N, C-alpha and C. Protein backbone atom coordinates (compact mmCIF):
# COMPACT_ATOMS: atom_id res chain seq x y z
N MET A 1 -25.86 23.27 50.17
CA MET A 1 -26.16 24.02 48.98
C MET A 1 -26.84 23.10 47.98
N GLU A 2 -27.92 23.52 47.47
CA GLU A 2 -28.71 22.72 46.57
C GLU A 2 -28.40 23.11 45.12
N THR A 3 -28.17 22.10 44.30
CA THR A 3 -27.96 22.39 42.88
C THR A 3 -29.25 22.08 42.14
N HIS A 4 -29.54 22.92 41.20
CA HIS A 4 -30.76 22.75 40.43
C HIS A 4 -30.43 21.99 39.16
N LYS A 5 -31.06 20.83 38.98
CA LYS A 5 -30.84 20.03 37.77
C LYS A 5 -32.05 20.20 36.87
N GLU A 6 -31.76 20.49 35.60
CA GLU A 6 -32.86 20.67 34.66
C GLU A 6 -33.35 19.32 34.18
N ASN A 7 -34.59 19.23 34.00
CA ASN A 7 -35.19 18.03 33.45
C ASN A 7 -35.00 18.06 31.93
N PRO A 8 -34.50 16.96 31.33
CA PRO A 8 -34.29 16.97 29.87
C PRO A 8 -35.57 17.23 29.08
N ASP A 9 -36.69 16.77 29.61
CA ASP A 9 -37.95 17.02 28.90
C ASP A 9 -38.28 18.50 28.87
N ASP A 10 -37.97 19.20 29.95
CA ASP A 10 -38.22 20.65 29.97
C ASP A 10 -37.34 21.37 28.94
N LEU A 11 -36.09 20.93 28.84
CA LEU A 11 -35.19 21.54 27.87
C LEU A 11 -35.67 21.29 26.45
N PHE A 12 -36.13 20.07 26.17
CA PHE A 12 -36.62 19.73 24.84
C PHE A 12 -37.88 20.54 24.51
N ASN A 13 -38.76 20.64 25.45
CA ASN A 13 -40.01 21.37 25.20
C ASN A 13 -39.80 22.87 25.09
N SER A 14 -38.76 23.39 25.73
CA SER A 14 -38.52 24.83 25.67
C SER A 14 -37.81 25.27 24.40
N THR A 15 -37.20 24.30 23.65
CA THR A 15 -36.49 24.63 22.41
C THR A 15 -37.50 24.79 21.29
N LYS A 16 -37.41 25.88 20.61
CA LYS A 16 -38.32 26.16 19.50
C LYS A 16 -37.62 25.82 18.18
N TRP A 17 -38.31 25.12 17.32
CA TRP A 17 -37.79 24.78 16.01
C TRP A 17 -38.07 25.93 15.08
N THR A 18 -37.00 26.47 14.49
CA THR A 18 -37.17 27.64 13.62
C THR A 18 -36.75 27.29 12.20
N VAL A 19 -37.05 28.17 11.31
CA VAL A 19 -36.66 28.00 9.91
C VAL A 19 -35.13 28.03 9.80
N GLU A 20 -34.49 28.82 10.61
CA GLU A 20 -33.03 28.91 10.61
C GLU A 20 -32.40 27.57 11.00
N ASN A 21 -32.97 26.91 12.01
CA ASN A 21 -32.47 25.58 12.40
C ASN A 21 -32.62 24.59 11.25
N GLU A 22 -33.73 24.65 10.57
CA GLU A 22 -33.97 23.73 9.46
C GLU A 22 -33.00 24.00 8.32
N GLU A 23 -32.70 25.24 8.03
CA GLU A 23 -31.74 25.56 6.97
C GLU A 23 -30.34 25.06 7.30
N ILE A 24 -29.97 25.16 8.58
CA ILE A 24 -28.67 24.65 9.00
C ILE A 24 -28.61 23.14 8.80
N ILE A 25 -29.66 22.44 9.21
CA ILE A 25 -29.69 20.98 9.04
C ILE A 25 -29.67 20.60 7.56
N ILE A 26 -30.37 21.35 6.72
CA ILE A 26 -30.38 21.07 5.28
C ILE A 26 -28.98 21.23 4.69
N ARG A 27 -28.28 22.29 5.05
CA ARG A 27 -26.90 22.50 4.55
C ARG A 27 -25.97 21.39 5.02
N TRP A 28 -26.09 20.99 6.29
CA TRP A 28 -25.25 19.92 6.81
C TRP A 28 -25.53 18.61 6.09
N CYS A 29 -26.79 18.33 5.82
CA CYS A 29 -27.14 17.10 5.11
C CYS A 29 -26.61 17.11 3.68
N ASP A 30 -26.72 18.25 3.00
CA ASP A 30 -26.18 18.35 1.65
C ASP A 30 -24.67 18.15 1.64
N THR A 31 -23.99 18.77 2.58
CA THR A 31 -22.54 18.61 2.67
C THR A 31 -22.18 17.16 2.97
N ALA A 32 -22.91 16.53 3.89
CA ALA A 32 -22.63 15.14 4.24
C ALA A 32 -22.84 14.21 3.04
N GLN A 33 -23.88 14.47 2.24
CA GLN A 33 -24.11 13.63 1.06
C GLN A 33 -23.03 13.84 0.01
N CYS A 34 -22.52 15.05 -0.11
CA CYS A 34 -21.40 15.29 -1.03
C CYS A 34 -20.16 14.51 -0.59
N TYR A 35 -19.86 14.56 0.70
CA TYR A 35 -18.72 13.79 1.21
C TYR A 35 -18.94 12.29 1.06
N ARG A 36 -20.17 11.84 1.24
CA ARG A 36 -20.48 10.42 1.07
C ARG A 36 -20.21 10.00 -0.37
N TRP A 37 -20.70 10.79 -1.34
CA TRP A 37 -20.48 10.48 -2.75
C TRP A 37 -18.99 10.48 -3.08
N LEU A 38 -18.27 11.49 -2.59
CA LEU A 38 -16.84 11.60 -2.85
C LEU A 38 -16.08 10.41 -2.27
N CYS A 39 -16.41 10.05 -1.05
CA CYS A 39 -15.74 8.93 -0.40
C CYS A 39 -16.01 7.62 -1.14
N TYR A 40 -17.27 7.39 -1.52
CA TYR A 40 -17.63 6.16 -2.22
C TYR A 40 -16.90 6.04 -3.55
N ASN A 41 -16.93 7.12 -4.34
CA ASN A 41 -16.30 7.06 -5.67
C ASN A 41 -14.78 6.97 -5.59
N SER A 42 -14.18 7.67 -4.65
CA SER A 42 -12.71 7.56 -4.52
C SER A 42 -12.32 6.17 -4.03
N HIS A 43 -13.10 5.59 -3.13
CA HIS A 43 -12.82 4.22 -2.67
C HIS A 43 -12.93 3.24 -3.83
N LYS A 44 -13.96 3.40 -4.66
CA LYS A 44 -14.16 2.51 -5.80
C LYS A 44 -12.98 2.62 -6.77
N LYS A 45 -12.54 3.85 -7.03
CA LYS A 45 -11.43 4.06 -7.97
C LYS A 45 -10.13 3.47 -7.45
N TYR A 46 -9.78 3.79 -6.20
CA TYR A 46 -8.49 3.35 -5.67
C TYR A 46 -8.48 1.88 -5.31
N ALA A 47 -9.63 1.29 -4.98
CA ALA A 47 -9.68 -0.16 -4.76
C ALA A 47 -9.42 -0.89 -6.08
N ASN A 48 -9.96 -0.34 -7.17
CA ASN A 48 -9.72 -0.92 -8.49
C ASN A 48 -8.24 -0.81 -8.88
N LEU A 49 -7.64 0.35 -8.66
CA LEU A 49 -6.21 0.52 -8.95
C LEU A 49 -5.35 -0.43 -8.11
N GLN A 50 -5.69 -0.55 -6.83
CA GLN A 50 -4.93 -1.42 -5.94
C GLN A 50 -5.02 -2.86 -6.41
N ALA A 51 -6.19 -3.29 -6.87
CA ALA A 51 -6.35 -4.66 -7.37
C ALA A 51 -5.47 -4.88 -8.60
N HIS A 52 -5.42 -3.89 -9.50
CA HIS A 52 -4.58 -4.02 -10.69
C HIS A 52 -3.10 -4.14 -10.30
N PHE A 53 -2.65 -3.31 -9.37
CA PHE A 53 -1.25 -3.38 -8.94
C PHE A 53 -0.95 -4.69 -8.22
N ALA A 54 -1.91 -5.20 -7.44
CA ALA A 54 -1.68 -6.47 -6.74
C ALA A 54 -1.53 -7.61 -7.73
N VAL A 55 -2.36 -7.63 -8.78
CA VAL A 55 -2.26 -8.68 -9.80
C VAL A 55 -0.95 -8.54 -10.55
N LEU A 56 -0.60 -7.32 -10.92
CA LEU A 56 0.66 -7.10 -11.64
C LEU A 56 1.85 -7.52 -10.79
N ASP A 57 1.83 -7.19 -9.51
CA ASP A 57 2.91 -7.58 -8.62
C ASP A 57 3.02 -9.09 -8.51
N SER A 58 1.89 -9.75 -8.43
CA SER A 58 1.89 -11.21 -8.35
C SER A 58 2.47 -11.83 -9.62
N ILE A 59 2.09 -11.29 -10.76
CA ILE A 59 2.61 -11.82 -12.03
C ILE A 59 4.11 -11.59 -12.13
N MET A 60 4.56 -10.39 -11.78
CA MET A 60 5.99 -10.10 -11.88
C MET A 60 6.80 -10.93 -10.90
N SER A 61 6.29 -11.14 -9.70
CA SER A 61 7.01 -11.93 -8.71
C SER A 61 7.14 -13.37 -9.16
N SER A 62 6.06 -13.94 -9.67
CA SER A 62 6.13 -15.34 -10.11
C SER A 62 7.02 -15.47 -11.34
N HIS A 63 6.98 -14.48 -12.23
CA HIS A 63 7.86 -14.52 -13.40
C HIS A 63 9.32 -14.45 -12.97
N ASN A 64 9.63 -13.57 -12.04
CA ASN A 64 11.00 -13.43 -11.55
C ASN A 64 11.46 -14.73 -10.88
N TYR A 65 10.57 -15.35 -10.10
CA TYR A 65 10.93 -16.62 -9.44
C TYR A 65 11.20 -17.69 -10.48
N ARG A 66 10.31 -17.81 -11.50
CA ARG A 66 10.51 -18.83 -12.53
C ARG A 66 11.78 -18.56 -13.31
N HIS A 67 12.06 -17.29 -13.60
CA HIS A 67 13.27 -16.94 -14.36
C HIS A 67 14.53 -17.33 -13.57
N ARG A 68 14.55 -16.99 -12.27
CA ARG A 68 15.71 -17.36 -11.46
C ARG A 68 15.87 -18.87 -11.37
N TRP A 69 14.76 -19.61 -11.23
CA TRP A 69 14.82 -21.06 -11.16
C TRP A 69 15.35 -21.62 -12.47
N TYR A 70 14.87 -21.09 -13.61
CA TYR A 70 15.32 -21.54 -14.92
C TYR A 70 16.81 -21.27 -15.10
N MET A 71 17.26 -20.08 -14.70
CA MET A 71 18.68 -19.75 -14.85
C MET A 71 19.54 -20.65 -13.96
N ASN A 72 19.09 -20.92 -12.75
CA ASN A 72 19.85 -21.82 -11.88
C ASN A 72 19.92 -23.22 -12.44
N GLU A 73 18.82 -23.70 -13.01
CA GLU A 73 18.81 -25.04 -13.61
C GLU A 73 19.76 -25.09 -14.80
N ASN A 74 19.74 -24.07 -15.64
CA ASN A 74 20.63 -24.06 -16.80
C ASN A 74 22.08 -23.89 -16.39
N ASN A 75 22.36 -23.09 -15.39
CA ASN A 75 23.74 -22.93 -14.92
C ASN A 75 24.26 -24.23 -14.34
N ASN A 76 23.42 -24.98 -13.65
CA ASN A 76 23.85 -26.27 -13.11
C ASN A 76 24.14 -27.25 -14.23
N LYS A 77 23.33 -27.24 -15.29
CA LYS A 77 23.58 -28.14 -16.42
C LYS A 77 24.88 -27.78 -17.10
N VAL A 78 25.13 -26.48 -17.29
CA VAL A 78 26.36 -26.03 -17.94
C VAL A 78 27.57 -26.35 -17.08
N SER A 79 27.47 -26.13 -15.78
CA SER A 79 28.62 -26.40 -14.91
C SER A 79 28.89 -27.89 -14.79
N ASN A 80 27.88 -28.73 -14.91
CA ASN A 80 28.11 -30.17 -14.88
C ASN A 80 28.78 -30.66 -16.16
N GLN A 81 28.60 -29.96 -17.27
CA GLN A 81 29.20 -30.36 -18.54
C GLN A 81 30.59 -29.76 -18.73
N SER A 82 30.99 -28.84 -17.88
CA SER A 82 32.28 -28.17 -18.09
C SER A 82 33.43 -29.09 -17.72
N SER A 83 34.60 -28.76 -18.21
CA SER A 83 35.78 -29.58 -17.93
C SER A 83 36.24 -29.35 -16.49
N PRO A 84 36.96 -30.30 -15.89
CA PRO A 84 37.38 -30.15 -14.49
C PRO A 84 38.33 -29.00 -14.26
N SER A 85 39.06 -28.56 -15.30
CA SER A 85 39.99 -27.46 -15.09
C SER A 85 39.28 -26.10 -15.04
N THR A 86 38.06 -26.03 -15.54
CA THR A 86 37.31 -24.77 -15.54
C THR A 86 36.60 -24.62 -14.19
N PRO A 87 36.74 -23.48 -13.55
CA PRO A 87 36.04 -23.32 -12.28
C PRO A 87 34.52 -23.32 -12.50
N THR A 88 33.81 -23.98 -11.62
CA THR A 88 32.36 -24.09 -11.79
C THR A 88 31.61 -22.90 -11.21
N ASP A 89 32.21 -22.18 -10.30
CA ASP A 89 31.51 -20.99 -9.79
C ASP A 89 31.83 -19.80 -10.68
N ASN A 90 30.94 -18.86 -10.70
CA ASN A 90 31.07 -17.70 -11.58
C ASN A 90 31.68 -16.51 -10.88
N THR A 91 32.45 -16.73 -9.85
CA THR A 91 33.05 -15.61 -9.13
C THR A 91 34.36 -15.23 -9.80
N LEU A 92 34.64 -13.97 -9.80
CA LEU A 92 35.91 -13.48 -10.35
C LEU A 92 36.83 -13.15 -9.19
N SER A 93 38.09 -13.44 -9.38
CA SER A 93 39.03 -13.11 -8.31
C SER A 93 39.30 -11.61 -8.34
N SER A 94 39.49 -11.04 -7.19
CA SER A 94 39.74 -9.61 -7.12
C SER A 94 41.19 -9.32 -7.50
N PRO A 95 41.46 -8.17 -8.08
CA PRO A 95 42.83 -7.84 -8.46
C PRO A 95 43.69 -7.65 -7.22
N PRO A 96 44.99 -7.86 -7.35
CA PRO A 96 45.85 -7.69 -6.18
C PRO A 96 45.88 -6.24 -5.70
N ILE A 97 45.99 -6.07 -4.43
CA ILE A 97 46.05 -4.74 -3.85
C ILE A 97 47.49 -4.24 -3.94
N PRO A 98 47.67 -3.05 -4.53
CA PRO A 98 49.04 -2.54 -4.64
C PRO A 98 49.61 -2.18 -3.27
N SER A 99 50.86 -2.48 -3.12
CA SER A 99 51.50 -2.14 -1.85
C SER A 99 52.27 -0.82 -2.00
N ASP A 100 52.52 -0.18 -0.90
CA ASP A 100 53.24 1.09 -0.92
C ASP A 100 54.75 0.90 -1.09
N ASN A 101 55.24 -0.32 -1.01
CA ASN A 101 56.67 -0.56 -1.09
C ASN A 101 57.18 -0.41 -2.54
N ASN A 102 56.32 -0.50 -3.51
CA ASN A 102 56.74 -0.43 -4.91
C ASN A 102 56.94 1.00 -5.41
N VAL A 103 56.77 1.96 -4.60
CA VAL A 103 56.87 3.37 -5.04
C VAL A 103 58.28 3.81 -5.19
């Protein structure tokens, strides 16, 4: 059984370009340019916002690190100056757990 294969050149030459085809292409191009503009402007806006948040996050993280380091340094100085009878750690003892025998 023989299969008939069309030549691509024959298919291209047999297709007629009409005004309707051109209108479809024009609408698709207009839509594509609208999406291109929308994508470009939204990327520009959100890239700018992301940069602001990244800088803010970096500033807050470094501030928090410096604050914790400063507090640890000051706590060490205070604990070194305290009397030996004062506990140097800042932990509180938990209250005793009530037993059921006292009821």
